[in-house]
C-alpha atoms as a PDB file:
ATOM      1  CA  UNK A   1      48.191 -62.793 109.790  1.00  0.00           C
ATOM      2  CA  UNK A   2      49.213 -60.348 107.276  1.00  0.00           C
ATOM      3  CA  UNK A   3      47.228 -57.153 107.780  1.00  0.00           C
ATOM      4  CA  UNK A   4      45.268 -55.538 104.499  1.00  0.00           C
ATOM      5  CA  UNK A   5      46.090 -51.912 103.307  1.00  0.00           C
ATOM      6  CA  UNK A   6      43.593 -49.503 103.777  1.00  0.00           C
ATOM      7  CA  UNK A   7      42.063 -47.604 100.940  1.00  0.00           C
ATOM      8  CA  UNK A   8      41.415 -43.629 100.882  1.00  0.00           C
ATOM      9  CA  UNK A   9      40.557 -41.509  97.967  1.00  0.00           C
ATOM     10  CA  UNK A  10      42.907 -38.859  97.263  1.00  0.00           C
ATOM     11  CA  UNK A  11      41.695 -35.972  95.202  1.00  0.00           C
ATOM     12  CA  UNK A  12      43.300 -33.520  93.272  1.00  0.00           C
ATOM     13  CA  UNK A  13      41.459 -30.334  92.642  1.00  0.00           C
ATOM     14  CA  UNK A  14      38.227 -31.819  93.341  1.00  0.00           C
ATOM     15  CA  UNK A  15      38.288 -33.390  89.439  1.00  0.00           C
ATOM     16  CA  UNK A  16      39.626 -36.700  89.602  1.00  0.00           C
ATOM     17  CA  UNK A  17      39.836 -39.138  93.004  1.00  0.00           C
ATOM     18  CA  UNK A  18      42.499 -41.755  93.237  1.00  0.00           C
ATOM     19  CA  UNK A  19      42.995 -44.475  95.586  1.00  0.00           C
ATOM     20  CA  UNK A  20      45.988 -44.226  97.862  1.00  0.00           C
ATOM     21  CA  UNK A  21      47.337 -47.453  99.699  1.00  0.00           C
ATOM     22  CA  UNK A  22      47.495 -46.352 103.224  1.00  0.00           C
ATOM     23  CA  UNK A  23      49.490 -49.225 105.517  1.00  0.00           C
ATOM     24  CA  UNK A  24      49.648 -49.865 108.979  1.00  0.00           C
ATOM     25  CA  UNK A  25      52.487 -49.195 111.195  1.00  0.00           C
ATOM     26  CA  UNK A  26      52.088 -52.360 112.539  1.00  0.00           C
ATOM     27  CA  UNK A  27      52.542 -53.916 109.019  1.00  0.00           C
ATOM     28  CA  UNK A  28      56.058 -52.970 109.038  1.00  0.00           C
ATOM     29  CA  UNK A  29      58.169 -56.074 108.113  1.00  0.00           C
ATOM     30  CA  UNK A  30      61.898 -55.650 109.463  1.00  0.00           C
ATOM     31  CA  UNK A  31      64.768 -55.234 106.614  1.00  0.00           C
ATOM     32  CA  UNK A  32      67.007 -57.699 105.724  1.00  0.00           C
ATOM     33  CA  UNK A  33      70.449 -57.538 107.499  1.00  0.00           C
ATOM     34  CA  UNK A  34      73.533 -57.629 105.625  1.00  0.00           C
ATOM     35  CA  UNK A  35      76.337 -57.635 107.429  1.00  0.00           C
ATOM     36  CA  UNK A  36      80.334 -58.095 105.978  1.00  0.00           C
ATOM     37  CA  UNK A  37      82.436 -60.939 106.389  1.00  0.00           C
ATOM     38  CA  UNK A  38      85.060 -60.677 109.072  1.00  0.00           C
ATOM     39  CA  UNK A  39      88.485 -61.586 108.184  1.00  0.00           C
ATOM     40  CA  UNK A  40      88.285 -64.882 110.080  1.00  0.00           C
ATOM     41  CA  UNK A  41      85.296 -66.190 108.212  1.00  0.00           C
ATOM     42  CA  UNK A  42      87.041 -65.793 104.542  1.00  0.00           C
ATOM     43  CA  UNK A  43      88.646 -68.829 105.184  1.00  0.00           C
ATOM     44  CA  UNK A  44      85.621 -70.909 105.812  1.00  0.00           C
ATOM     45  CA  UNK A  45      83.034 -68.646 103.609  1.00  0.00           C
ATOM     46  CA  UNK A  46      82.290 -70.773  99.987  1.00  0.00           C
ATOM     47  CA  UNK A  47      81.793 -68.692  97.232  1.00  0.00           C
ATOM     48  CA  UNK A  48      80.589 -70.529  94.006  1.00  0.00           C
ATOM     49  CA  UNK A  49      82.584 -70.931  91.138  1.00  0.00           C
ATOM     50  CA  UNK A  50      81.706 -67.714  89.410  1.00  0.00           C
ATOM     51  CA  UNK A  51      82.243 -65.705  92.471  1.00  0.00           C
ATOM     52  CA  UNK A  52      85.986 -67.070  92.930  1.00  0.00           C
ATOM     53  CA  UNK A  53      86.417 -66.162  89.054  1.00  0.00           C
ATOM     54  CA  UNK A  54      85.297 -63.015  89.537  1.00  0.00           C
ATOM     55  CA  UNK A  55      87.700 -62.351  92.635  1.00  0.00           C
ATOM     56  CA  UNK A  56      90.483 -63.921  90.391  1.00  0.00           C
ATOM     57  CA  UNK A  57      89.720 -61.698  87.474  1.00  0.00           C
ATOM     58  CA  UNK A  58      90.239 -58.579  89.656  1.00  0.00           C
ATOM     59  CA  UNK A  59      93.441 -59.850  91.341  1.00  0.00           C
ATOM     60  CA  UNK A  60      95.360 -61.162  87.952  1.00  0.00           C
ATOM     61  CA  UNK A  61      94.249 -57.385  86.581  1.00  0.00           C
ATOM     62  CA  UNK A  62      95.622 -56.006  89.353  1.00  0.00           C
ATOM     63  CA  UNK A  63      98.903 -57.968  89.028  1.00  0.00           C
ATOM     64  CA  UNK A  64      99.090 -56.975  85.581  1.00  0.00           C
ATOM     65  CA  UNK A  65      98.654 -53.491  86.116  1.00  0.00           C
ATOM     66  CA  UNK A  66     101.777 -53.812  88.931  1.00  0.00           C
ATOM     67  CA  UNK A  67     103.584 -56.051  86.386  1.00  0.00           C
ATOM     68  CA  UNK A  68     103.609 -54.141  82.948  1.00  0.00           C
ATOM     69  CA  UNK A  69     105.845 -51.237  84.142  1.00  0.00           C
ATOM     70  CA  UNK A  70     107.705 -52.325  86.445  1.00  0.00           C
ATOM     71  CA  UNK A  71     108.288 -56.072  84.895  1.00  0.00           C
ATOM     72  CA  UNK A  72     107.338 -56.553  81.471  1.00  0.00           C
ATOM     73  CA  UNK A  73     108.446 -53.069  79.670  1.00  0.00           C
ATOM     74  CA  UNK A  74     111.971 -52.744  81.002  1.00  0.00           C
ATOM     75  CA  UNK A  75     112.367 -56.070  79.910  1.00  0.00           C
ATOM     76  CA  UNK A  76     110.812 -56.340  77.058  1.00  0.00           C
ATOM     77  CA  UNK A  77     112.374 -52.661  75.861  1.00  0.00           C
ATOM     78  CA  UNK A  78     115.799 -53.941  76.647  1.00  0.00           C
ATOM     79  CA  UNK A  79     115.370 -57.142  74.749  1.00  0.00           C
ATOM     80  CA  UNK A  80     114.479 -54.795  71.402  1.00  0.00           C
ATOM     81  CA  UNK A  81     117.246 -52.430  71.818  1.00  0.00           C
ATOM     82  CA  UNK A  82     119.753 -54.578  70.246  1.00  0.00           C
ATOM     83  CA  UNK A  83     120.845 -58.458  69.927  1.00  0.00           C
ATOM     84  CA  UNK A  84     122.970 -58.088  72.702  1.00  0.00           C
ATOM     85  CA  UNK A  85     119.878 -56.904  74.796  1.00  0.00           C
ATOM     86  CA  UNK A  86     117.900 -59.754  73.398  1.00  0.00           C
ATOM     87  CA  UNK A  87     120.417 -62.433  74.438  1.00  0.00           C
ATOM     88  CA  UNK A  88     121.231 -60.998  78.114  1.00  0.00           C
ATOM     89  CA  UNK A  89     117.174 -61.243  78.553  1.00  0.00           C
ATOM     90  CA  UNK A  90     117.196 -64.490  77.078  1.00  0.00           C
ATOM     91  CA  UNK A  91     120.244 -65.896  79.457  1.00  0.00           C
ATOM     92  CA  UNK A  92     117.755 -63.861  82.518  1.00  0.00           C
ATOM     93  CA  UNK A  93     114.989 -66.171  81.259  1.00  0.00           C
ATOM     94  CA  UNK A  94     116.725 -69.226  81.728  1.00  0.00           C
ATOM     95  CA  UNK A  95     116.586 -69.076  85.671  1.00  0.00           C
ATOM     96  CA  UNK A  96     113.898 -71.239  87.235  1.00  0.00           C
ATOM     97  CA  UNK A  97     112.743 -68.713  89.753  1.00  0.00           C
ATOM     98  CA  UNK A  98     112.427 -66.137  86.464  1.00  0.00           C
ATOM     99  CA  UNK A  99     110.557 -69.038  84.574  1.00  0.00           C
ATOM    100  CA  UNK A 100     108.278 -69.402  87.194  1.00  0.00           C
ATOM    101  CA  UNK A 101     107.356 -65.420  87.827  1.00  0.00           C
ATOM    102  CA  UNK A 102     106.810 -65.549  83.983  1.00  0.00           C
ATOM    103  CA  UNK A 103     104.950 -68.815  84.010  1.00  0.00           C
ATOM    104  CA  UNK A 104     102.610 -66.880  86.826  1.00  0.00           C
ATOM    105  CA  UNK A 105     102.526 -63.746  84.359  1.00  0.00           C
ATOM    106  CA  UNK A 106     101.332 -66.157  81.624  1.00  0.00           C
ATOM    107  CA  UNK A 107      98.683 -67.945  83.764  1.00  0.00           C
ATOM    108  CA  UNK A 108      97.394 -64.011  85.143  1.00  0.00           C
ATOM    109  CA  UNK A 109      97.520 -63.166  81.752  1.00  0.00           C
ATOM    110  CA  UNK A 110      95.576 -65.643  80.053  1.00  0.00           C
ATOM    111  CA  UNK A 111      93.319 -66.201  83.447  1.00  0.00           C
ATOM    112  CA  UNK A 112      92.089 -62.767  82.605  1.00  0.00           C
ATOM    113  CA  UNK A 113      91.930 -62.642  78.592  1.00  0.00           C
ATOM    114  CA  UNK A 114      89.617 -65.619  79.273  1.00  0.00           C
ATOM    115  CA  UNK A 115      87.516 -64.096  81.982  1.00  0.00           C
ATOM    116  CA  UNK A 116      87.174 -60.871  80.288  1.00  0.00           C
ATOM    117  CA  UNK A 117      85.713 -62.560  77.311  1.00  0.00           C
ATOM    118  CA  UNK A 118      83.050 -64.515  79.604  1.00  0.00           C
ATOM    119  CA  UNK A 119      82.184 -61.186  80.951  1.00  0.00           C
ATOM    120  CA  UNK A 120      81.762 -59.490  77.837  1.00  0.00           C
ATOM    121  CA  UNK A 121      79.515 -62.284  76.954  1.00  0.00           C
ATOM    122  CA  UNK A 122      77.525 -61.740  80.288  1.00  0.00           C
ATOM    123  CA  UNK A 123      77.124 -57.944  79.050  1.00  0.00           C
ATOM    124  CA  UNK A 124      75.119 -58.864  76.050  1.00  0.00           C
ATOM    125  CA  UNK A 125      72.758 -61.107  78.421  1.00  0.00           C
ATOM    126  CA  UNK A 126      74.724 -64.519  77.448  1.00  0.00           C
ATOM    127  CA  UNK A 127      74.794 -66.907  80.094  1.00  0.00           C
ATOM    128  CA  UNK A 128      72.911 -65.306  83.106  1.00  0.00           C
ATOM    129  CA  UNK A 129      70.979 -68.465  84.012  1.00  0.00           C
ATOM    130  CA  UNK A 130      72.302 -70.307  87.352  1.00  0.00           C
ATOM    131  CA  UNK A 131      73.366 -72.992  85.796  1.00  0.00           C
ATOM    132  CA  UNK A 132      75.167 -71.678  82.496  1.00  0.00           C
ATOM    133  CA  UNK A 133      77.053 -69.327  84.963  1.00  0.00           C
ATOM    134  CA  UNK A 134      78.646 -71.926  86.514  1.00  0.00           C
ATOM    135  CA  UNK A 135      79.535 -73.696  83.608  1.00  0.00           C
ATOM    136  CA  UNK A 136      81.148 -71.140  81.830  1.00  0.00           C
ATOM    137  CA  UNK A 137      83.028 -70.543  84.701  1.00  0.00           C
ATOM    138  CA  UNK A 138      84.244 -73.976  84.628  1.00  0.00           C
ATOM    139  CA  UNK A 139      85.520 -73.555  81.317  1.00  0.00           C
ATOM    140  CA  UNK A 140      87.121 -70.555  81.610  1.00  0.00           C
ATOM    141  CA  UNK A 141      89.498 -71.748  84.392  1.00  0.00           C
ATOM    142  CA  UNK A 142      90.074 -75.187  82.312  1.00  0.00           C
ATOM    143  CA  UNK A 143      90.789 -72.941  79.406  1.00  0.00           C
ATOM    144  CA  UNK A 144      93.096 -70.500  81.429  1.00  0.00           C
ATOM    145  CA  UNK A 145      94.781 -73.721  82.920  1.00  0.00           C
ATOM    146  CA  UNK A 146      95.259 -75.579  79.801  1.00  0.00           C
ATOM    147  CA  UNK A 147      96.494 -72.765  77.912  1.00  0.00           C
ATOM    148  CA  UNK A 148      98.715 -72.211  80.737  1.00  0.00           C
ATOM    149  CA  UNK A 149     100.593 -75.589  80.691  1.00  0.00           C
ATOM    150  CA  UNK A 150     100.771 -75.369  77.111  1.00  0.00           C
ATOM    151  CA  UNK A 151     102.801 -72.033  77.330  1.00  0.00           C
ATOM    152  CA  UNK A 152     104.350 -73.597  80.558  1.00  0.00           C
ATOM    153  CA  UNK A 153     105.634 -76.711  78.732  1.00  0.00           C
ATOM    154  CA  UNK A 154     106.906 -74.605  75.789  1.00  0.00           C
ATOM    155  CA  UNK A 155     108.665 -72.159  78.894  1.00  0.00           C
ATOM    156  CA  UNK A 156     110.205 -74.780  80.332  1.00  0.00           C
ATOM    157  CA  UNK A 157     111.398 -76.313  76.779  1.00  0.00           C
ATOM    158  CA  UNK A 158     109.711 -79.485  76.950  1.00  0.00           C
ATOM    159  CA  UNK A 159     108.760 -79.052  73.084  1.00  0.00           C
END
């Protein structure tokens, strides 16, 4: 049975009186408890698709941040110095392991780009409803994987 609040008149220098709500101590409700997940719960915790997209957006951003100075810029610089440097890079890129690494970086870039567009739309309050947010997350996954497949087919010489 809820306890009704009591009203008390508060006077400011005798000029105006305002009602003040006074809650009984026994009416205090327990605060909800939010607990962090433990490492063992991470495998069984089910995030919605938009949550998985958000985590992958952060991971791909971090991956691209690390890859830019360590992988992409040195090879790009070497390929631009001379024709011999470009030929060396083209020969290096024929290795299947290098192609897989490049495919992962291509996917990371495309996923981060597509998810970034989604987040820009969310920032202007487009697609905030639960159903449309889930739909846009699925679209981002589909588009990024489709574009990665197209670039991967080109990378592996299918066309």
